[in-house]
Amino acid sequence: MAKKPRPRLKNYLSTGRLYDDEPRSPREEAAEDLVGMLCEEDKKTWKRLFEAADTEFMPLDYVERREDFRTMDRDRFSLFRLEAPGAPLFHVRSSVQIREPLAALIKLDEAGKVYVYRP
């Protein structure tokens, strides 16, 4: 009779997985890739945020994002731009800032959802 493997709790709180060999979902891998693109200062904050929040990845349409920014509720949503991998995140204050070059655009919903737009 084969022995059942013991769960490893070493990284359980940060990953949510009991076993290191469990396959990761495409969403988890995409979030991990995005965290890898952030500068060291932003990684600490956003890694925990991506793990806790429901994260949705979508394609980036500049015109649509500008219009969404103009009409969004600024008390509920915050928008951040990542110009290039390794660059710091900047808070978007005007729709004119939503332009190329852009590695990612992150929309944070205070209700616990994160939208990531990538070209």
C-alpha atoms as a PDB file:
ATOM      1  CA  MET A   1       0.000   0.000   0.000  1.00  0.00           C
ATOM      2  CA  ALA A   2       1.460   3.332  -1.067  1.00  0.00           C
ATOM      3  CA  LYS A   3       1.908   5.987   1.527  1.00  0.00           C
ATOM      4  CA  LYS A   4      -0.102   9.151   1.094  1.00  0.00           C
ATOM      5  CA  PRO A   5       2.205  12.189   0.767  1.00  0.00           C
ATOM      6  CA  ARG A   6       2.167  14.597   3.696  1.00  0.00           C
ATOM      7  CA  PRO A   7       1.029  18.127   2.999  1.00  0.00           C
ATOM      8  CA  ARG A   8       3.808  20.711   3.173  1.00  0.00           C
ATOM      9  CA  LEU A   9       2.659  23.863   4.884  1.00  0.00           C
ATOM     10  CA  LYS A  10       5.866  25.822   4.353  1.00  0.00           C
ATOM     11  CA  ASN A  11       4.460  28.162   1.683  1.00  0.00           C
ATOM     12  CA  TYR A  12       0.754  27.492   2.209  1.00  0.00           C
ATOM     13  CA  LEU A  13      -0.157  30.995   3.387  1.00  0.00           C
ATOM     14  CA  SER A  14       1.553  32.683   0.451  1.00  0.00           C
ATOM     15  CA  THR A  15       0.574  30.215  -2.299  1.00  0.00           C
ATOM     16  CA  GLY A  16      -2.615  28.544  -1.064  1.00  0.00           C
ATOM     17  CA  ARG A  17      -1.259  25.156  -2.176  1.00  0.00           C
ATOM     18  CA  LEU A  18      -0.551  22.216   0.135  1.00  0.00           C
ATOM     19  CA  TYR A  19       1.839  20.486  -2.242  1.00  0.00           C
ATOM     20  CA  ASP A  20       4.635  22.123  -4.233  1.00  0.00           C
ATOM     21  CA  ASP A  21       3.964  19.906  -7.234  1.00  0.00           C
ATOM     22  CA  GLU A  22       0.317  21.007  -7.631  1.00  0.00           C
ATOM     23  CA  PRO A  23      -0.248  22.548 -11.057  1.00  0.00           C
ATOM     24  CA  ARG A  24      -0.841  26.289 -11.090  1.00  0.00           C
ATOM     25  CA  SER A  25      -3.734  27.805 -12.957  1.00  0.00           C
ATOM     26  CA  PRO A  26      -3.021  30.061 -15.953  1.00  0.00           C
ATOM     27  CA  ARG A  27      -4.316  32.996 -13.887  1.00  0.00           C
ATOM     28  CA  GLU A  28      -1.806  32.264 -11.086  1.00  0.00           C
ATOM     29  CA  GLU A  29       1.018  32.028 -13.614  1.00  0.00           C
ATOM     30  CA  ALA A  30      -0.005  35.309 -15.279  1.00  0.00           C
ATOM     31  CA  ALA A  31      -0.117  37.069 -11.894  1.00  0.00           C
ATOM     32  CA  GLU A  32       3.304  35.665 -11.044  1.00  0.00           C
ATOM     33  CA  ASP A  33       4.691  36.882 -14.386  1.00  0.00           C
ATOM     34  CA  LEU A  34       3.274  40.343 -13.763  1.00  0.00           C
ATOM     35  CA  VAL A  35       4.774  40.486 -10.266  1.00  0.00           C
ATOM     36  CA  GLY A  36       8.107  39.513 -11.818  1.00  0.00           C
ATOM     37  CA  MET A  37       7.874  42.575 -14.093  1.00  0.00           C
ATOM     38  CA  LEU A  38       7.466  44.995 -11.162  1.00  0.00           C
ATOM     39  CA  CYS A  39      10.303  46.844  -9.442  1.00  0.00           C
ATOM     40  CA  GLU A  40      11.422  45.565  -6.022  1.00  0.00           C
ATOM     41  CA  GLU A  41       9.483  48.251  -4.107  1.00  0.00           C
ATOM     42  CA  ASP A  42       6.188  47.383  -5.812  1.00  0.00           C
ATOM     43  CA  LYS A  43       6.641  43.597  -5.665  1.00  0.00           C
ATOM     44  CA  LYS A  44       6.081  43.396  -1.907  1.00  0.00           C
ATOM     45  CA  THR A  45       2.762  45.205  -2.014  1.00  0.00           C
ATOM     46  CA  TRP A  46       1.324  43.894  -5.246  1.00  0.00           C
ATOM     47  CA  LYS A  47       2.267  40.245  -4.726  1.00  0.00           C
ATOM     48  CA  ARG A  48       0.077  40.116  -1.625  1.00  0.00           C
ATOM     49  CA  LEU A  49      -2.647  42.054  -3.392  1.00  0.00           C
ATOM     50  CA  PHE A  50      -2.713  39.685  -6.381  1.00  0.00           C
ATOM     51  CA  GLU A  51      -2.897  36.698  -4.035  1.00  0.00           C
ATOM     52  CA  ALA A  52      -5.772  38.156  -2.011  1.00  0.00           C
ATOM     53  CA  ALA A  53      -7.834  39.785  -4.755  1.00  0.00           C
ATOM     54  CA  ASP A  54      -9.712  38.260  -7.645  1.00  0.00           C
ATOM     55  CA  THR A  55      -7.487  39.146 -10.612  1.00  0.00           C
ATOM     56  CA  GLU A  56      -8.730  39.289 -14.187  1.00  0.00           C
ATOM     57  CA  PHE A  57      -6.408  39.635 -17.212  1.00  0.00           C
ATOM     58  CA  MET A  58      -7.653  41.274 -20.394  1.00  0.00           C
ATOM     59  CA  PRO A  59      -6.207  42.707 -23.629  1.00  0.00           C
ATOM     60  CA  LEU A  60      -5.364  46.411 -23.647  1.00  0.00           C
ATOM     61  CA  ASP A  61      -7.369  48.730 -25.904  1.00  0.00           C
ATOM     62  CA  TYR A  62      -6.067  52.283 -25.407  1.00  0.00           C
ATOM     63  CA  VAL A  63      -9.202  54.092 -26.611  1.00  0.00           C
ATOM     64  CA  GLU A  64     -11.492  51.965 -24.456  1.00  0.00           C
ATOM     65  CA  ARG A  65      -9.283  52.397 -21.369  1.00  0.00           C
ATOM     66  CA  ARG A  66      -9.171  56.189 -21.811  1.00  0.00           C
ATOM     67  CA  GLU A  67     -12.952  56.369 -22.030  1.00  0.00           C
ATOM     68  CA  ASP A  68     -13.304  54.053 -19.034  1.00  0.00           C
ATOM     69  CA  PHE A  69     -10.899  56.275 -17.060  1.00  0.00           C
ATOM     70  CA  ARG A  70     -12.933  59.399 -17.857  1.00  0.00           C
ATOM     71  CA  THR A  71     -16.167  57.817 -16.595  1.00  0.00           C
ATOM     72  CA  MET A  72     -14.967  55.637 -13.688  1.00  0.00           C
ATOM     73  CA  ASP A  73     -15.729  56.420 -10.060  1.00  0.00           C
ATOM     74  CA  ARG A  74     -12.416  57.746  -8.680  1.00  0.00           C
ATOM     75  CA  ASP A  75     -13.393  56.896  -5.092  1.00  0.00           C
ATOM     76  CA  ARG A  76     -13.818  53.220  -5.944  1.00  0.00           C
ATOM     77  CA  PHE A  77     -11.206  52.614  -8.657  1.00  0.00           C
ATOM     78  CA  SER A  78      -7.502  53.425  -8.948  1.00  0.00           C
ATOM     79  CA  LEU A  79      -5.494  53.059 -12.134  1.00  0.00           C
ATOM     80  CA  PHE A  80      -1.759  52.349 -12.331  1.00  0.00           C
ATOM     81  CA  ARG A  81       0.530  52.116 -15.336  1.00  0.00           C
ATOM     82  CA  LEU A  82       3.666  50.064 -15.827  1.00  0.00           C
ATOM     83  CA  GLU A  83       5.741  51.580 -18.619  1.00  0.00           C
ATOM     84  CA  ALA A  84       8.332  48.804 -18.896  1.00  0.00           C
ATOM     85  CA  PRO A  85       9.399  45.684 -16.998  1.00  0.00           C
ATOM     86  CA  GLY A  86      11.353  46.700 -13.906  1.00  0.00           C
ATOM     87  CA  ALA A  87       9.982  50.256 -13.904  1.00  0.00           C
ATOM     88  CA  PRO A  88       7.970  51.570 -10.937  1.00  0.00           C
ATOM     89  CA  LEU A  89       4.191  51.780 -11.115  1.00  0.00           C
ATOM     90  CA  PHE A  90       2.707  55.239 -11.590  1.00  0.00           C
ATOM     91  CA  HIS A  91      -0.750  56.341 -10.514  1.00  0.00           C
ATOM     92  CA  VAL A  92      -2.718  57.536 -13.555  1.00  0.00           C
ATOM     93  CA  ARG A  93      -4.171  61.003 -12.957  1.00  0.00           C
ATOM     94  CA  SER A  94      -5.253  61.891 -16.505  1.00  0.00           C
ATOM     95  CA  SER A  95      -6.491  59.925 -19.518  1.00  0.00           C
ATOM     96  CA  VAL A  96      -3.619  61.396 -21.561  1.00  0.00           C
ATOM     97  CA  GLN A  97      -1.206  59.214 -19.530  1.00  0.00           C
ATOM     98  CA  ILE A  98      -2.775  56.081 -21.026  1.00  0.00           C
ATOM     99  CA  ARG A  99      -0.507  55.806 -24.073  1.00  0.00           C
ATOM    100  CA  GLU A 100       2.351  53.754 -25.473  1.00  0.00           C
ATOM    101  CA  PRO A 101       4.838  52.539 -24.344  1.00  0.00           C
ATOM    102  CA  LEU A 102       2.952  50.498 -21.789  1.00  0.00           C
ATOM    103  CA  ALA A 103       3.728  47.028 -20.429  1.00  0.00           C
ATOM    104  CA  ALA A 104       0.543  46.839 -18.324  1.00  0.00           C
ATOM    105  CA  LEU A 105      -2.325  48.901 -16.986  1.00  0.00           C
ATOM    106  CA  ILE A 106      -3.701  47.851 -13.587  1.00  0.00           C
ATOM    107  CA  LYS A 107      -7.161  48.882 -12.413  1.00  0.00           C
ATOM    108  CA  LEU A 108      -7.729  48.332  -8.700  1.00  0.00           C
ATOM    109  CA  ASP A 109     -11.306  48.018  -7.469  1.00  0.00           C
ATOM    110  CA  GLU A 110     -11.763  48.745  -3.760  1.00  0.00           C
ATOM    111  CA  ALA A 111     -14.290  45.882  -3.672  1.00  0.00           C
ATOM    112  CA  GLY A 112     -11.410  43.381  -3.955  1.00  0.00           C
ATOM    113  CA  LYS A 113     -10.955  42.919  -7.691  1.00  0.00           C
ATOM    114  CA  VAL A 114      -7.953  43.735  -9.859  1.00  0.00           C
ATOM    115  CA  TYR A 115      -8.125  44.143 -13.635  1.00  0.00           C
ATOM    116  CA  VAL A 116      -4.871  43.834 -15.557  1.00  0.00           C
ATOM    117  CA  TYR A 117      -4.756  45.068 -19.150  1.00  0.00           C
ATOM    118  CA  ARG A 118      -1.775  43.973 -21.256  1.00  0.00           C
ATOM    119  CA  PRO A 119      -0.987  44.739 -24.899  1.00  0.00           C
END
